[in-house]
């Protein structure tokens, strides 16, 4: 019976294992990056949806402040009731 090699040998097995491990690591890194990108995109989309709500409150606050200011002027006697009513209608768009 001749003495020959039966398989790839120790060096061949080590090389094959290194290739498999390297490929698995590369795939794992790609998947991690993909999921990180998806999470970032979801967070960005959520932030964009939440952002428009904040500016909508500002005009109402501004209207309230204007009306309060007009009421003070009326109470101090600087504006007449008719002037107050006219300016109030103008601010409210009535």
Protein backbone atom coordinates (compact mmCIF):
# COMPACT_ATOMS: atom_id res chain seq x y z
CA UNK A 1 0.00 0.00 0.00
CA UNK A 2 1.51 3.30 -1.03
CA UNK A 3 1.92 6.03 1.48
CA UNK A 4 0.18 9.05 0.02
CA UNK A 5 -1.76 11.94 1.26
CA UNK A 6 -5.37 11.37 1.99
CA UNK A 7 -6.54 14.98 2.32
CA UNK A 8 -5.45 18.55 2.09
CA UNK A 9 -3.21 18.30 5.11
CA UNK A 10 -2.88 20.58 8.09
CA UNK A 11 -1.87 23.70 6.16
CA UNK A 12 -4.69 23.24 3.65
CA UNK A 13 -7.28 22.81 6.41
CA UNK A 14 -5.99 25.91 8.20
CA UNK A 15 -6.18 27.94 4.99
CA UNK A 16 -9.72 26.74 4.25
CA UNK A 17 -10.82 27.56 7.83
CA UNK A 18 -9.30 31.04 7.55
CA UNK A 19 -11.22 31.68 4.33
CA UNK A 20 -14.50 30.50 5.86
CA UNK A 21 -13.98 32.59 9.01
CA UNK A 22 -12.98 35.64 6.98
CA UNK A 23 -16.06 35.31 4.78
CA UNK A 24 -18.32 34.90 7.82
CA UNK A 25 -16.82 38.00 9.43
CA UNK A 26 -17.28 40.02 6.25
CA UNK A 27 -20.92 38.96 5.96
CA UNK A 28 -21.50 39.70 9.65
CA UNK A 29 -19.96 43.17 9.30
CA UNK A 30 -22.08 43.89 6.23
CA UNK A 31 -25.24 42.85 8.07
CA UNK A 32 -24.35 44.95 11.10
CA UNK A 33 -23.76 47.98 8.87
CA UNK A 34 -27.03 47.34 7.04
CA UNK A 35 -29.01 47.18 10.29
CA UNK A 36 -27.23 50.26 11.64
CA UNK A 37 -28.13 52.18 8.46
CA UNK A 38 -31.74 51.03 8.71
CA UNK A 39 -31.94 52.10 12.37
CA UNK A 40 -30.45 55.50 11.53
CA UNK A 41 -32.93 55.96 8.68
CA UNK A 42 -35.83 55.06 10.97
CA UNK A 43 -34.65 57.51 13.62
CA UNK A 44 -34.25 60.23 11.00
CA UNK A 45 -37.74 59.58 9.64
CA UNK A 46 -39.20 59.70 13.15
CA UNK A 47 -37.40 62.98 13.83
CA UNK A 48 -38.73 64.47 10.58
CA UNK A 49 -42.27 63.46 11.47
CA UNK A 50 -41.98 64.97 14.95
CA UNK A 51 -40.31 68.20 13.80
CA UNK A 52 -43.25 69.80 11.93
CA UNK A 53 -45.46 69.70 15.05
CA UNK A 54 -43.30 72.17 16.98
CA UNK A 55 -43.52 75.15 14.59
CA UNK A 56 -47.32 74.80 14.37
CA UNK A 57 -47.64 75.78 18.04
CA UNK A 58 -45.70 79.03 17.59
CA UNK A 59 -48.39 80.95 15.61
CA UNK A 60 -51.01 80.17 18.25
CA UNK A 61 -48.69 81.45 20.96
CA UNK A 62 -48.03 84.53 18.86
CA UNK A 63 -51.78 85.13 18.39
CA UNK A 64 -52.40 84.77 22.10
CA UNK A 65 -49.58 87.19 22.89
CA UNK A 66 -50.93 89.74 20.38
CA UNK A 67 -54.44 89.48 21.80
CA UNK A 68 -53.15 89.85 25.36
CA UNK A 69 -51.19 92.91 24.34
CA UNK A 70 -54.27 94.42 22.70
CA UNK A 71 -56.37 93.68 25.76
CA UNK A 72 -53.83 95.48 27.96
CA UNK A 73 -53.92 98.50 25.65
CA UNK A 74 -57.71 98.49 25.82
CA UNK A 75 -57.70 98.13 29.60
CA UNK A 76 -55.26 101.05 29.89
CA UNK A 77 -57.58 103.18 27.79
CA UNK A 78 -55.15 103.51 24.90
CA UNK A 79 -57.49 101.64 22.51
CA UNK A 80 -61.23 102.05 22.34
CA UNK A 81 -63.50 99.00 22.37
CA UNK A 82 -64.12 99.46 18.64
CA UNK A 83 -60.39 99.66 17.85
CA UNK A 84 -59.77 96.59 19.97
CA UNK A 85 -62.54 94.64 18.24
CA UNK A 86 -61.34 95.65 14.77
CA UNK A 87 -57.72 94.69 15.46
CA UNK A 88 -58.79 91.43 17.14
CA UNK A 89 -60.85 90.48 14.06
CA UNK A 90 -57.87 91.33 11.84
CA UNK A 91 -55.48 89.15 13.91
CA UNK A 92 -57.91 86.22 14.01
CA UNK A 93 -58.71 86.58 10.31
CA UNK A 94 -62.40 87.01 10.89
